[in-house]
Amino acid sequence: MTDYGHELRFGAMLSPGGDYAHEFLALAEVAERAGLDLVSLSDHPYWTQRLDTMALLATIAARTTRVTVFPNVANLPLRPPVTLARTAAALDILSGGRFELGLGTGAQQMWDDIVADGGPRRGAGESIAAMDEAMQVIRALWAADGAVRFEGVHYQLAGTAGGPRPAHDISIWAGGYQPRMLRLIGRAADGWVPSSPYLPPERLAEGNRIIDEAAASAGRAPGDVVRVYNIAGTFAASGAGFLNGPPGAWAEQLAELALVQGISVFVLYLAGSADLIRRFGAEVAPAVREIVGRERGRLGPPA
């Protein structure tokens, strides 16, 4: 059993709609009213039929009062770490500490689009090395009061100004699936963000094992890495398989993932329906909290 004892949080990754100026904002407000904790958006800057993720997150933060917002996950090749750090800090300050930074290396199948937008084409090893450097740069800028220097293979800073400081300690939640990326997450990231369509529940244990071992080798506790799981499912009167059934079945499956796989943040994947968001917030999230709370009370605190 791997329960890191983290507070359970529930959120939604909003799905693109036809009317960006209203549908996104309306769904974000639905999520907040439904009691969800987070609202996120995927980040594909090369798809111009979608409005910019950071601009949308800023608008969502301005239209809400409680939910945390985050990119799920920001496209590092097209978002240089200096600009990303300053944008993240600004959003955190303006929202009163309601921003976390999801960060990704860029989807391998999207490199042609990334290059067409002026970004670099990176192999798997280069992408992981760039992610490592970017996390160092971003954290250095958030922490510094003076000039920041950095000499890396992918990024160099020749005394750029540090700051601004975020309103709270922003977490960097990294997306990734391959062992080399998982080892970096265990060593240096604050969270892991896989998605169930690409990493089904039965594969979580292996990813957790790699992250936990890397964390321990780096002198960290495995619990230092929050597990954020984007989940896709369908409500139905009855069904079989992962998240295909009534809310009670969803709650039992998600509670098991919290208690056995250490998942503490569950995010509805491409949630384009207000009804889906409402049911998740009203019928699933409280039931998961109840089951996990009861089991944690019975078993005692995690070792």
Protein backbone atom coordinates (compact mmCIF):
# COMPACT_ATOMS: atom_id res chain seq x y z
CA MET A 1 0.00 0.00 0.00
CA THR A 2 1.29 3.47 -0.94
CA ASP A 3 -0.69 6.29 0.61
CA TYR A 4 1.41 9.42 0.99
CA GLY A 5 -1.24 11.02 3.19
CA HIS A 6 -1.74 14.10 1.03
CA GLU A 7 -4.94 16.11 1.14
CA LEU A 8 -7.33 14.96 -1.57
CA ARG A 9 -8.14 17.50 -4.27
CA PHE A 10 -10.43 17.32 -7.27
CA GLY A 11 -10.43 19.34 -10.46
CA ALA A 12 -11.24 19.55 -14.14
CA MET A 13 -9.24 19.97 -17.33
CA LEU A 14 -11.67 21.95 -19.41
CA SER A 15 -12.35 20.81 -22.95
CA PRO A 16 -12.24 23.31 -25.82
CA GLY A 17 -15.62 24.58 -26.96
CA GLY A 18 -16.79 26.70 -29.83
CA ASP A 19 -17.23 29.95 -27.90
CA TYR A 20 -13.94 30.40 -26.06
CA ALA A 21 -14.83 33.71 -24.48
CA HIS A 22 -17.85 32.26 -22.69
CA GLU A 23 -17.84 28.46 -22.57
CA PHE A 24 -14.48 28.16 -20.82
CA LEU A 25 -15.38 30.80 -18.28
CA ALA A 26 -18.82 29.32 -17.66
CA LEU A 27 -17.41 25.83 -17.10
CA ALA A 28 -14.75 27.20 -14.75
CA GLU A 29 -17.47 28.90 -12.71
CA VAL A 30 -19.46 25.65 -12.70
CA ALA A 31 -16.40 23.84 -11.36
CA GLU A 32 -15.99 26.32 -8.52
CA ARG A 33 -19.67 26.19 -7.59
CA ALA A 34 -19.52 22.38 -7.69
CA GLY A 35 -16.86 22.44 -4.98
CA LEU A 36 -13.90 21.43 -7.11
CA ASP A 37 -10.46 22.60 -6.07
CA LEU A 38 -8.67 23.08 -9.40
CA VAL A 39 -9.31 24.15 -12.97
CA SER A 40 -6.76 23.39 -15.69
CA LEU A 41 -6.27 23.69 -19.43
CA SER A 42 -4.03 21.77 -21.80
CA ASP A 43 -1.40 23.83 -23.64
CA HIS A 44 -0.92 23.60 -27.40
CA PRO A 45 0.24 27.07 -28.52
CA TYR A 46 0.48 25.98 -32.18
CA TRP A 47 -3.28 25.28 -32.35
CA THR A 48 -4.52 28.76 -33.12
CA GLN A 49 -8.17 27.68 -33.01
CA ARG A 50 -7.61 27.67 -29.25
CA LEU A 51 -7.00 30.85 -27.32
CA ASP A 52 -3.74 31.10 -25.38
CA THR A 53 -3.71 28.90 -22.29
CA MET A 54 -2.06 31.44 -19.99
CA ALA A 55 -4.45 34.21 -21.03
CA LEU A 56 -7.42 31.91 -20.40
CA LEU A 57 -6.07 30.85 -17.02
CA ALA A 58 -5.63 34.50 -16.06
CA THR A 59 -9.21 35.23 -17.02
CA ILE A 60 -10.50 32.17 -15.15
CA ALA A 61 -8.56 33.23 -12.06
CA ALA A 62 -10.13 36.69 -12.30
CA ARG A 63 -13.64 35.23 -12.60
CA THR A 64 -13.27 32.84 -9.65
CA THR A 65 -12.37 33.28 -6.00
CA ARG A 66 -11.30 29.88 -4.68
CA VAL A 67 -10.11 27.37 -7.29
CA THR A 68 -6.45 26.91 -8.15
CA VAL A 69 -5.60 27.16 -11.85
CA PHE A 70 -2.77 25.45 -13.72
CA PRO A 71 -1.63 24.57 -17.25
CA ASN A 72 -2.00 20.84 -17.79
CA VAL A 73 0.82 20.94 -18.89
CA ALA A 74 2.72 24.01 -20.23
CA ASN A 75 4.60 23.42 -23.48
CA LEU A 76 8.22 24.05 -22.48
CA PRO A 77 9.72 24.18 -26.02
CA LEU A 78 7.47 27.14 -26.87
CA ARG A 79 7.49 28.79 -23.44
CA PRO A 80 11.05 29.81 -22.44
CA PRO A 81 11.61 29.30 -18.71
CA VAL A 82 12.36 32.96 -17.94
CA THR A 83 9.08 34.11 -19.46
CA LEU A 84 7.25 31.14 -17.96
CA ALA A 85 8.58 31.88 -14.46
CA ARG A 86 7.54 35.52 -14.64
CA THR A 87 4.11 34.71 -16.07
CA ALA A 88 3.51 32.07 -13.40
CA ALA A 89 4.57 34.46 -10.63
CA ALA A 90 2.32 37.21 -11.99
CA LEU A 91 -0.68 34.88 -12.16
CA ASP A 92 0.01 33.65 -8.65
CA ILE A 93 0.24 37.19 -7.30
CA LEU A 94 -2.89 38.38 -9.10
CA SER A 95 -4.91 35.32 -8.02
CA GLY A 96 -3.83 35.47 -4.38
CA GLY A 97 -1.72 32.30 -4.52
CA ARG A 98 -4.01 30.19 -6.71
CA PHE A 99 -1.60 29.09 -9.42
CA GLU A 100 0.48 25.93 -9.84
CA LEU A 101 2.79 25.24 -12.78
CA GLY A 102 2.20 22.10 -14.78
CA LEU A 103 5.16 21.62 -17.11
CA GLY A 104 5.76 19.28 -20.03
CA THR A 105 8.50 18.58 -22.53
CA GLY A 106 6.15 18.78 -25.52
CA ALA A 107 4.31 15.85 -27.06
CA GLN A 108 6.57 13.82 -29.32
CA GLN A 109 3.95 13.69 -32.08
CA MET A 110 3.78 17.50 -32.12
CA TRP A 111 7.40 18.32 -32.92
CA ASP A 112 6.60 19.44 -36.47
CA ASP A 113 4.09 21.96 -35.06
CA ILE A 114 6.56 23.07 -32.39
CA VAL A 115 9.30 23.61 -34.97
CA ALA A 116 6.88 25.45 -37.28
CA ASP A 117 6.27 27.88 -34.41
CA GLY A 118 10.00 28.51 -34.05
CA GLY A 119 10.67 26.06 -31.24
CA PRO A 120 13.51 23.52 -31.07
CA ARG A 121 13.25 19.90 -32.17
CA ARG A 122 14.51 17.78 -29.28
CA GLY A 123 15.05 14.09 -28.86
CA ALA A 124 13.86 12.30 -25.75
CA GLY A 125 17.13 12.75 -23.87
CA GLU A 126 17.41 16.40 -24.87
CA SER A 127 13.83 17.05 -23.77
CA ILE A 128 14.48 15.64 -20.31
CA ALA A 129 17.74 17.58 -19.95
CA ALA A 130 15.94 20.78 -21.01
CA MET A 131 13.19 20.11 -18.46
CA ASP A 132 15.79 19.64 -15.74
CA GLU A 133 17.48 22.93 -16.63
CA ALA A 134 14.16 24.76 -16.93
CA MET A 135 13.05 23.75 -13.44
CA GLN A 136 16.34 25.03 -12.04
CA VAL A 137 16.00 28.33 -13.92
CA ILE A 138 12.38 28.87 -12.90
CA ARG A 139 13.03 28.20 -9.22
CA ALA A 140 16.12 30.40 -9.23
CA LEU A 141 14.13 33.30 -10.69
CA TRP A 142 11.31 32.89 -8.16
CA ALA A 143 13.78 32.88 -5.26
CA ALA A 144 16.20 35.61 -6.31
CA ASP A 145 16.24 39.25 -5.30
CA GLY A 146 19.19 40.07 -7.55
CA ALA A 147 20.74 38.92 -10.79
CA VAL A 148 20.50 35.25 -11.82
CA ARG A 149 23.17 33.48 -13.81
CA PHE A 150 22.81 30.02 -15.29
CA GLU A 151 24.99 28.14 -17.75
CA GLY A 152 23.27 25.11 -19.21
CA VAL A 153 23.20 23.29 -22.49
CA HIS A 154 19.70 24.45 -23.40
CA TYR A 155 19.34 27.64 -21.37
CA GLN A 156 21.80 30.37 -20.37
CA LEU A 157 21.20 33.39 -18.18
CA ALA A 158 23.83 36.14 -18.16
CA GLY A 159 22.72 37.97 -15.03
CA THR A 160 19.02 38.43 -15.72
CA ALA A 161 16.89 40.06 -13.03
CA GLY A 162 15.28 37.68 -10.54
CA GLY A 163 11.65 37.85 -9.52
CA PRO A 164 8.92 38.61 -9.14
CA ARG A 165 8.39 36.38 -6.12
CA PRO A 166 5.13 34.39 -6.27
CA ALA A 167 2.48 34.85 -3.61
CA HIS A 168 3.07 31.28 -2.42
CA ASP A 169 5.55 28.49 -3.11
CA ILE A 170 4.39 27.43 -6.57
CA SER A 171 4.68 23.71 -7.22
CA ILE A 172 6.07 22.38 -10.48
CA TRP A 173 3.99 19.38 -11.56
CA ALA A 174 5.69 17.59 -14.44
CA GLY A 175 4.03 15.43 -17.05
CA GLY A 176 5.85 12.32 -18.21
CA TYR A 177 5.71 8.60 -18.83
CA GLN A 178 9.14 7.30 -19.77
CA PRO A 179 11.54 5.99 -17.08
CA ARG A 180 14.14 8.74 -17.63
CA MET A 181 11.49 11.41 -17.18
CA LEU A 182 10.04 9.66 -14.14
CA ARG A 183 13.48 9.57 -12.54
CA LEU A 184 13.80 13.33 -13.07
CA ILE A 185 10.37 13.84 -11.54
CA GLY A 186 11.37 11.81 -8.49
CA ARG A 187 14.59 13.75 -8.13
CA ALA A 188 13.44 17.29 -8.80
CA ALA A 189 9.72 17.87 -9.43
CA ASP A 190 6.94 18.61 -6.94
CA GLY A 191 4.36 16.48 -8.70
CA TRP A 192 3.71 13.89 -11.41
CA VAL A 193 0.88 14.39 -13.96
CA PRO A 194 -0.04 11.32 -16.04
CA SER A 195 -3.38 10.88 -17.84
CA SER A 196 -5.47 7.71 -17.69
CA PRO A 197 -6.00 7.42 -21.49
CA TYR A 198 -2.20 7.12 -21.86
CA LEU A 199 -1.31 5.51 -18.53
CA PRO A 200 -4.16 3.31 -17.23
CA PRO A 201 -4.44 2.55 -13.52
CA GLU A 202 -2.69 -0.81 -13.76
CA ARG A 203 0.48 0.95 -14.91
CA LEU A 204 0.60 3.50 -12.11
CA ALA A 205 2.48 1.20 -9.74
CA GLU A 206 5.50 0.94 -12.01
CA GLY A 207 5.65 4.70 -12.51
CA ASN A 208 5.33 5.26 -8.76
CA ARG A 209 8.12 2.76 -8.09
CA ILE A 210 10.54 4.59 -10.41
CA ILE A 211 9.65 7.98 -8.94
CA ASP A 212 9.92 6.76 -5.36
CA GLU A 213 13.31 5.14 -5.94
CA ALA A 214 14.64 8.27 -7.64
CA ALA A 215 13.33 10.46 -4.83
CA ALA A 216 15.00 8.28 -2.20
CA SER A 217 18.29 8.30 -4.13
CA ALA A 218 18.15 12.12 -4.18
CA GLY A 219 17.58 12.30 -0.44
CA ARG A 220 13.90 13.13 -0.76
CA ALA A 221 10.84 11.42 0.66
CA PRO A 222 8.60 9.76 -1.96
CA GLY A 223 5.76 11.82 -0.52
CA ASP A 224 7.52 14.99 -1.66
CA VAL A 225 6.09 14.25 -5.11
CA VAL A 226 2.33 14.82 -5.33
CA ARG A 227 0.55 12.42 -7.70
CA VAL A 228 -1.88 14.23 -10.03
CA TYR A 229 -3.99 11.95 -12.24
CA ASN A 230 -6.01 13.18 -15.22
CA ILE A 231 -8.96 10.77 -15.39
CA ALA A 232 -11.36 10.07 -18.24
CA GLY A 233 -14.66 8.37 -17.54
CA THR A 234 -18.38 8.10 -18.25
CA PHE A 235 -21.28 8.07 -15.83
CA ALA A 236 -23.67 5.21 -16.52
CA ALA A 237 -26.34 3.27 -14.64
CA SER A 238 -24.08 0.23 -14.79
CA GLY A 239 -20.86 -0.72 -16.47
CA ALA A 240 -17.48 -2.35 -16.25
CA GLY A 241 -13.94 -1.09 -16.42
CA PHE A 242 -12.32 2.08 -15.15
CA LEU A 243 -14.75 4.94 -14.41
CA ASN A 244 -17.57 3.49 -16.44
CA GLY A 245 -20.57 3.33 -14.13
CA PRO A 246 -22.47 5.18 -11.41
CA PRO A 247 -20.85 7.76 -9.12
CA GLY A 248 -20.51 5.21 -6.32
CA ALA A 249 -18.38 2.99 -8.53
CA TRP A 250 -16.22 5.97 -9.49
CA ALA A 251 -15.75 6.81 -5.81
CA GLU A 252 -14.66 3.28 -4.91
CA GLN A 253 -12.14 3.15 -7.77
CA LEU A 254 -10.67 6.56 -7.05
CA ALA A 255 -10.46 5.87 -3.32
CA GLU A 256 -8.51 2.71 -4.09
CA LEU A 257 -6.08 4.72 -6.23
CA ALA A 258 -5.61 7.17 -3.37
CA LEU A 259 -4.97 4.43 -0.81
CA VAL A 260 -2.95 2.03 -2.97
CA GLN A 261 -1.24 4.25 -5.55
CA GLY A 262 -0.94 7.49 -3.61
CA ILE A 263 -2.98 9.60 -6.03
CA SER A 264 -4.22 12.69 -4.22
CA VAL A 265 -5.27 15.02 -7.06
CA PHE A 266 -7.91 13.76 -9.49
CA VAL A 267 -8.60 15.92 -12.55
CA LEU A 268 -11.44 15.22 -14.99
CA TYR A 269 -9.80 14.85 -18.39
CA LEU A 270 -11.27 17.07 -21.13
CA ALA A 271 -14.38 17.88 -19.13
CA GLY A 272 -16.61 19.60 -21.68
CA SER A 273 -19.94 19.06 -19.90
CA ALA A 274 -21.31 21.13 -17.05
CA ASP A 275 -23.36 18.13 -15.90
CA LEU A 276 -20.24 15.93 -15.74
CA ILE A 277 -18.41 18.55 -13.70
CA ARG A 278 -21.34 19.03 -11.31
CA ARG A 279 -21.77 15.29 -10.71
CA PHE A 280 -18.06 14.83 -10.16
CA GLY A 281 -18.03 17.61 -7.57
CA ALA A 282 -21.30 16.73 -5.83
CA GLU A 283 -21.44 12.94 -5.99
CA VAL A 284 -17.90 11.61 -6.47
CA ALA A 285 -15.49 13.89 -4.63
CA PRO A 286 -17.28 13.81 -1.23
CA ALA A 287 -17.65 10.03 -1.41
CA VAL A 288 -13.95 9.55 -2.18
CA ARG A 289 -13.02 11.79 0.74
CA GLU A 290 -15.31 9.83 3.03
CA ILE A 291 -13.92 6.42 2.02
CA VAL A 292 -10.28 7.55 2.21
CA GLY A 293 -10.81 9.38 5.48
CA ARG A 294 -12.40 6.31 7.03
CA GLU A 295 -9.61 4.02 5.87
CA ARG A 296 -6.88 6.41 6.96
CA GLY A 297 -8.50 6.62 10.37
CA ARG A 298 -8.61 2.84 10.63
CA LEU A 299 -5.05 2.28 9.41
CA GLY A 300 -3.38 5.25 11.06
CA PRO A 301 -0.96 7.70 9.40
CA PRO A 302 1.15 6.52 6.45
CA ALA A 303 4.53 5.04 7.37
